[in-house]
PDB file of N, CA and C in Angstrom:
ATOM      1  N   MET A   1     -16.506   3.314  11.037  1.00  0.00           N
ATOM      2  CA  MET A   1     -16.558   2.960  10.258  1.00  0.00           C
ATOM      3  C   MET A   1     -15.370   1.426  10.668  1.00  0.00           C
ATOM      4  N   GLU A   2     -15.753   0.487  10.433  1.00  0.00           N
ATOM      5  CA  GLU A   2     -14.374  -0.658  10.651  1.00  0.00           C
ATOM      6  C   GLU A   2     -13.602  -0.798   9.352  1.00  0.00           C
ATOM      7  N   THR A   3     -12.375  -0.861   9.534  1.00  0.00           N
ATOM      8  CA  THR A   3     -11.643  -1.369   8.744  1.00  0.00           C
ATOM      9  C   THR A   3     -10.863  -2.482   8.723  1.00  0.00           C
ATOM     10  N   ARG A   4     -11.485  -3.131   7.287  1.00  0.00           N
ATOM     11  CA  ARG A   4     -11.103  -4.579   6.852  1.00  0.00           C
ATOM     12  C   ARG A   4     -10.002  -4.831   5.791  1.00  0.00           C
ATOM     13  N   LYS A   5      -9.053  -5.463   6.378  1.00  0.00           N
ATOM     14  CA  LYS A   5      -8.083  -6.595   5.323  1.00  0.00           C
ATOM     15  C   LYS A   5      -8.815  -6.333   4.449  1.00  0.00           C
ATOM     16  N   ASN A   6      -8.387  -6.447   2.850  1.00  0.00           N
ATOM     17  CA  ASN A   6      -8.994  -7.099   1.857  1.00  0.00           C
ATOM     18  C   ASN A   6      -7.922  -8.471   1.505  1.00  0.00           C
ATOM     19  N   PRO A   7      -8.638  -9.935   1.663  1.00  0.00           N
ATOM     20  CA  PRO A   7      -7.673 -10.313   1.751  1.00  0.00           C
ATOM     21  C   PRO A   7      -6.861 -11.094   0.455  1.00  0.00           C
ATOM     22  N   CYS A   8      -7.170 -10.504  -0.637  1.00  0.00           N
ATOM     23  CA  CYS A   8      -6.647 -10.480  -2.264  1.00  0.00           C
ATOM     24  C   CYS A   8      -5.687  -9.548  -2.389  1.00  0.00           C
ATOM     25  N   ILE A   9      -5.504  -8.598  -1.144  1.00  0.00           N
ATOM     26  CA  ILE A   9      -3.916  -7.747  -1.453  1.00  0.00           C
ATOM     27  C   ILE A   9      -3.538  -7.278  -0.460  1.00  0.00           C
ATOM     28  N   LYS A  10      -2.394  -8.028  -0.769  1.00  0.00           N
ATOM     29  CA  LYS A  10      -1.230  -8.252  -0.209  1.00  0.00           C
ATOM     30  C   LYS A  10      -0.510  -6.597   0.020  1.00  0.00           C
ATOM     31  N   CYS A  11      -0.006  -6.433   0.956  1.00  0.00           N
ATOM     32  CA  CYS A  11       0.935  -5.282   0.982  1.00  0.00           C
ATOM     33  C   CYS A  11       1.881  -4.839   1.874  1.00  0.00           C
ATOM     34  N   THR A  12       3.014  -4.874   1.783  1.00  0.00           N
ATOM     35  CA  THR A  12       3.854  -4.491   2.725  1.00  0.00           C
ATOM     36  C   THR A  12       4.337  -2.831   3.089  1.00  0.00           C
ATOM     37  N   VAL A  13       3.946  -1.576   2.458  1.00  0.00           N
ATOM     38  CA  VAL A  13       3.492  -0.358   2.040  1.00  0.00           C
ATOM     39  C   VAL A  13       3.161   0.273   3.378  1.00  0.00           C
ATOM     40  N   SER A  14       4.148   0.017   4.768  1.00  0.00           N
ATOM     41  CA  SER A  14       3.453   0.775   5.945  1.00  0.00           C
ATOM     42  C   SER A  14       3.333   2.116   5.827  1.00  0.00           C
ATOM     43  N   GLN A  15       3.839   2.743   5.090  1.00  0.00           N
ATOM     44  CA  GLN A  15       3.735   4.305   4.825  1.00  0.00           C
ATOM     45  C   GLN A  15       2.507   4.616   4.112  1.00  0.00           C
ATOM     46  N   CYS A  16       1.800   3.596   3.648  1.00  0.00           N
ATOM     47  CA  CYS A  16       0.635   3.925   3.126  1.00  0.00           C
ATOM     48  C   CYS A  16      -0.445   3.860   3.784  1.00  0.00           C
ATOM     49  N   GLN A  17      -1.702   5.037   3.963  1.00  0.00           N
ATOM     50  CA  GLN A  17      -3.146   5.301   5.098  1.00  0.00           C
ATOM     51  C   GLN A  17      -3.509   4.024   4.679  1.00  0.00           C
ATOM     52  N   HIS A  18      -3.919   3.075   3.414  1.00  0.00           N
ATOM     53  CA  HIS A  18      -4.629   1.784   2.649  1.00  0.00           C
ATOM     54  C   HIS A  18      -3.805   0.691   3.840  1.00  0.00           C
ATOM     55  N   ASN A  19      -2.778   0.573   4.336  1.00  0.00           N
ATOM     56  CA  ASN A  19      -2.214  -0.347   4.927  1.00  0.00           C
ATOM     57  C   ASN A  19      -2.611  -0.870   6.109  1.00  0.00           C
ATOM     58  N   MET A  20      -3.039  -1.957   6.392  1.00  0.00           N
ATOM     59  CA  MET A  20      -3.261  -2.283   7.978  1.00  0.00           C
ATOM     60  C   MET A  20      -1.906  -3.232   8.107  1.00  0.00           C
ATOM     61  N   VAL A  21      -1.112  -2.551   8.545  1.00  0.00           N
ATOM     62  CA  VAL A  21       0.277  -2.731   9.356  1.00  0.00           C
ATOM     63  C   VAL A  21       0.198  -4.175   9.925  1.00  0.00           C
ATOM     64  N   SER A  22      -0.630  -4.230  11.005  1.00  0.00           N
ATOM     65  CA  SER A  22      -0.725  -5.364  11.702  1.00  0.00           C
ATOM     66  C   SER A  22      -0.728  -6.694  10.848  1.00  0.00           C
ATOM     67  N   GLU A  23      -1.689  -6.827   9.769  1.00  0.00           N
ATOM     68  CA  GLU A  23      -1.492  -7.965   8.587  1.00  0.00           C
ATOM     69  C   GLU A  23      -0.981  -8.115   7.227  1.00  0.00           C
ATOM     70  N   ASN A  24       0.035  -6.782   7.236  1.00  0.00           N
ATOM     71  CA  ASN A  24       0.589  -6.618   5.793  1.00  0.00           C
ATOM     72  C   ASN A  24      -0.411  -6.643   4.713  1.00  0.00           C
ATOM     73  N   TYR A  25      -1.797  -5.794   4.641  1.00  0.00           N
ATOM     74  CA  TYR A  25      -3.104  -6.030   3.667  1.00  0.00           C
ATOM     75  C   TYR A  25      -3.293  -5.038   3.324  1.00  0.00           C
ATOM     76  N   CYS A  26      -3.648  -4.576   2.235  1.00  0.00           N
ATOM     77  CA  CYS A  26      -4.415  -3.627   1.822  1.00  0.00           C
ATOM     78  C   CYS A  26      -6.298  -3.536   2.361  1.00  0.00           C
ATOM     79  N   VAL A  27      -6.579  -2.193   3.006  1.00  0.00           N
ATOM     80  CA  VAL A  27      -8.088  -2.316   3.356  1.00  0.00           C
ATOM     81  C   VAL A  27      -8.718  -1.716   1.924  1.00  0.00           C
ATOM     82  N   LEU A  28      -8.325  -1.877   0.682  1.00  0.00           N
ATOM     83  CA  LEU A  28      -8.990  -1.328  -0.416  1.00  0.00           C
ATOM     84  C   LEU A  28      -9.780  -2.247  -1.258  1.00  0.00           C
ATOM     85  N   ASP A  29     -10.974  -2.084  -1.430  1.00  0.00           N
ATOM     86  CA  ASP A  29     -11.734  -2.621  -2.098  1.00  0.00           C
ATOM     87  C   ASP A  29     -11.144  -3.315  -3.688  1.00  0.00           C
ATOM     88  N   SER A  30     -10.169  -2.456  -4.296  1.00  0.00           N
ATOM     89  CA  SER A  30      -9.443  -2.845  -5.319  1.00  0.00           C
ATOM     90  C   SER A  30      -8.350  -1.802  -5.046  1.00  0.00           C
ATOM     91  N   VAL A  31      -7.214  -1.302  -5.944  1.00  0.00           N
ATOM     92  CA  VAL A  31      -6.403  -0.697  -6.047  1.00  0.00           C
ATOM     93  C   VAL A  31      -5.948  -0.548  -7.658  1.00  0.00           C
ATOM     94  N   ARG A  32      -5.659   0.792  -8.215  1.00  0.00           N
ATOM     95  CA  ARG A  32      -4.912   1.040  -9.238  1.00  0.00           C
ATOM     96  C   ARG A  32      -3.403   0.668  -9.340  1.00  0.00           C
ATOM     97  N   ILE A  33      -3.393  -0.220 -10.381  1.00  0.00           N
ATOM     98  CA  ILE A  33      -1.556  -0.025 -10.774  1.00  0.00           C
ATOM     99  C   ILE A  33      -1.031   0.625 -12.130  1.00  0.00           C
ATOM    100  N   GLY A  34      -0.322   1.373 -12.059  1.00  0.00           N
ATOM    101  CA  GLY A  34       0.057   1.728 -12.794  1.00  0.00           C
ATOM    102  C   GLY A  34       1.770   2.090 -13.273  1.00  0.00           C
ATOM    103  N   SER A  35       2.484   2.992 -14.346  1.00  0.00           N
ATOM    104  CA  SER A  35       3.604   2.453 -14.612  1.00  0.00           C
ATOM    105  C   SER A  35       4.532   3.917 -14.204  1.00  0.00           C
ATOM    106  N   HIS A  36       5.316   4.505 -14.423  1.00  0.00           N
ATOM    107  CA  HIS A  36       6.240   5.821 -14.552  1.00  0.00           C
ATOM    108  C   HIS A  36       7.103   5.934 -15.723  1.00  0.00           C
ATOM    109  N   GLU A  37       7.056   4.194 -16.561  1.00  0.00           N
ATOM    110  CA  GLU A  37       7.225   4.247 -17.484  1.00  0.00           C
ATOM    111  C   GLU A  37       6.969   3.636 -18.985  1.00  0.00           C
ATOM    112  N   LYS A  38       6.984   4.093 -19.528  1.00  0.00           N
ATOM    113  CA  LYS A  38       6.431   4.644 -21.167  1.00  0.00           C
ATOM    114  C   LYS A  38       6.259   3.221 -21.804  1.00  0.00           C
ATOM    115  N   ASN A  39       7.574   2.121 -21.823  1.00  0.00           N
ATOM    116  CA  ASN A  39       7.571   0.687 -21.970  1.00  0.00           C
ATOM    117  C   ASN A  39       7.857   0.191 -20.540  1.00  0.00           C
ATOM    118  N   PRO A  40       7.441  -0.550 -19.466  1.00  0.00           N
ATOM    119  CA  PRO A  40       7.671  -1.179 -18.360  1.00  0.00           C
ATOM    120  C   PRO A  40       8.220  -2.240 -19.013  1.00  0.00           C
ATOM    121  N   THR A  41       9.304  -3.208 -18.276  1.00  0.00           N
ATOM    122  CA  THR A  41       9.811  -4.328 -19.057  1.00  0.00           C
ATOM    123  C   THR A  41      10.080  -5.081 -17.099  1.00  0.00           C
ATOM    124  N   VAL A  42      10.536  -4.265 -16.294  1.00  0.00           N
ATOM    125  CA  VAL A  42      10.887  -5.197 -15.050  1.00  0.00           C
ATOM    126  C   VAL A  42       9.619  -4.772 -13.619  1.00  0.00           C
ATOM    127  N   PRO A  43       9.417  -5.270 -12.646  1.00  0.00           N
ATOM    128  CA  PRO A  43       8.979  -5.148 -11.540  1.00  0.00           C
ATOM    129  C   PRO A  43       8.798  -3.240 -10.839  1.00  0.00           C
ATOM    130  N   GLU A  44      10.016  -3.435 -11.268  1.00  0.00           N
ATOM    131  CA  GLU A  44      10.410  -1.617 -10.684  1.00  0.00           C
ATOM    132  C   GLU A  44      10.162  -0.531 -11.263  1.00  0.00           C
ATOM    133  N   CYS A  45       9.491  -1.129 -12.475  1.00  0.00           N
ATOM    134  CA  CYS A  45       9.009  -0.178 -13.260  1.00  0.00           C
ATOM    135  C   CYS A  45       7.333   0.370 -13.239  1.00  0.00           C
ATOM    136  N   THR A  46       6.316  -0.450 -12.300  1.00  0.00           N
ATOM    137  CA  THR A  46       5.527  -0.344 -11.800  1.00  0.00           C
ATOM    138  C   THR A  46       4.893   0.213 -10.493  1.00  0.00           C
ATOM    139  N   ASP A  47       3.823   0.924 -10.237  1.00  0.00           N
ATOM    140  CA  ASP A  47       3.671   1.757  -9.328  1.00  0.00           C
ATOM    141  C   ASP A  47       2.421   1.725  -8.719  1.00  0.00           C
ATOM    142  N   CYS A  48       1.720   1.449  -7.783  1.00  0.00           N
ATOM    143  CA  CYS A  48       0.305   1.692  -7.069  1.00  0.00           C
ATOM    144  C   CYS A  48       0.464   2.999  -7.094  1.00  0.00           C
ATOM    145  N   GLU A  49      -0.720   3.122  -7.935  1.00  0.00           N
ATOM    146  CA  GLU A  49      -1.137   4.845  -7.703  1.00  0.00           C
ATOM    147  C   GLU A  49      -2.303   4.750  -6.609  1.00  0.00           C
ATOM    148  N   SER A  50      -2.927   3.938  -6.060  1.00  0.00           N
ATOM    149  CA  SER A  50      -3.445   4.010  -4.919  1.00  0.00           C
ATOM    150  C   SER A  50      -2.801   4.556  -3.683  1.00  0.00           C
ATOM    151  N   PHE A  51      -1.061   4.409  -4.069  1.00  0.00           N
ATOM    152  CA  PHE A  51      -0.903   5.023  -2.414  1.00  0.00           C
ATOM    153  C   PHE A  51      -0.721   6.382  -1.743  1.00  0.00           C
ATOM    154  N   VAL A  52      -1.374   5.881  -1.214  1.00  0.00           N
ATOM    155  CA  VAL A  52      -1.494   7.774   0.016  1.00  0.00           C
ATOM    156  C   VAL A  52      -0.839   8.030   1.440  1.00  0.00           C
ATOM    157  N   LYS A  53      -0.062   8.755   1.318  1.00  0.00           N
ATOM    158  CA  LYS A  53       1.063   8.721   2.433  1.00  0.00           C
ATOM    159  C   LYS A  53       0.368   8.882   3.611  1.00  0.00           C
ATOM    160  N   ARG A  54       1.235   8.449   4.745  1.00  0.00           N
ATOM    161  CA  ARG A  54       0.382   7.886   5.949  1.00  0.00           C
ATOM    162  C   ARG A  54       0.681   9.175   6.897  1.00  0.00           C
ATOM    163  N   SER A  55      -0.108  10.057   7.483  1.00  0.00           N
ATOM    164  CA  SER A  55       0.343  10.891   8.259  1.00  0.00           C
ATOM    165  C   SER A  55       1.138  10.490   9.866  1.00  0.00           C
ATOM    166  N   GLY A  56       1.308   9.496  10.041  1.00  0.00           N
ATOM    167  CA  GLY A  56       1.595   8.794  11.178  1.00  0.00           C
ATOM    168  C   GLY A  56       2.633   8.757  11.268  1.00  0.00           C
ATOM    169  N   ALA A  57       3.408   8.267  11.942  1.00  0.00           N
ATOM    170  CA  ALA A  57       4.918   8.188  12.120  1.00  0.00           C
ATOM    171  C   ALA A  57       5.331   6.250  11.894  1.00  0.00           C
ATOM    172  N   CYS A  58       6.198   6.585  10.549  1.00  0.00           N
ATOM    173  CA  CYS A  58       6.384   5.042  10.712  1.00  0.00           C
ATOM    174  C   CYS A  58       8.055   5.042  10.582  1.00  0.00           C
ATOM    175  N   GLY A  59       8.363   4.238  11.166  1.00  0.00           N
ATOM    176  CA  GLY A  59       9.690   3.781  10.752  1.00  0.00           C
ATOM    177  C   GLY A  59      10.078   2.490  10.838  1.00  0.00           C
ATOM    178  N   SER A  60      11.292   2.293  11.356  1.00  0.00           N
ATOM    179  CA  SER A  60      11.817   0.518  11.294  1.00  0.00           C
ATOM    180  C   SER A  60      10.843  -0.643  11.890  1.00  0.00           C
ATOM    181  N   GLU A  61      10.406  -0.105  12.696  1.00  0.00           N
ATOM    182  CA  GLU A  61       9.340  -0.917  13.590  1.00  0.00           C
ATOM    183  C   GLU A  61       7.459  -1.186  13.295  1.00  0.00           C
ATOM    184  N   GLY A  62       7.596   0.121  12.193  1.00  0.00           N
ATOM    185  CA  GLY A  62       6.151  -0.280  11.478  1.00  0.00           C
ATOM    186  C   GLY A  62       5.927   0.887  11.933  1.00  0.00           C
ATOM    187  N   CYS A  63       4.360   1.169  11.988  1.00  0.00           N
ATOM    188  CA  CYS A  63       3.352   2.531  12.048  1.00  0.00           C
ATOM    189  C   CYS A  63       3.155   2.408  13.393  1.00  0.00           C
ATOM    190  N   LYS A  64       3.448   3.599  14.576  1.00  0.00           N
ATOM    191  CA  LYS A  64       2.515   3.891  15.442  1.00  0.00           C
ATOM    192  C   LYS A  64       1.216   4.873  15.392  1.00  0.00           C
ATOM    193  N   PHE A  65       0.374   4.914  16.070  1.00  0.00           N
ATOM    194  CA  PHE A  65      -0.606   6.193  16.294  1.00  0.00           C
ATOM    195  C   PHE A  65      -1.596   6.524  17.062  1.00  0.00           C
TER     196      PHE A  65
END
């Protein structure tokens, strides 16, 4: 199965297995966004609930598999 970027979902979280690190895009068709706050008022209160920790080694140079 070929993985393709979703040009509508930009993502720079290389630690997520859904991130296409080479282009900083998500490969999912859609993502779920939520909040860990009862009354979110700033971007830092929101979370990507589609995040899944990548099992590779990610560092300052990006992920290597």
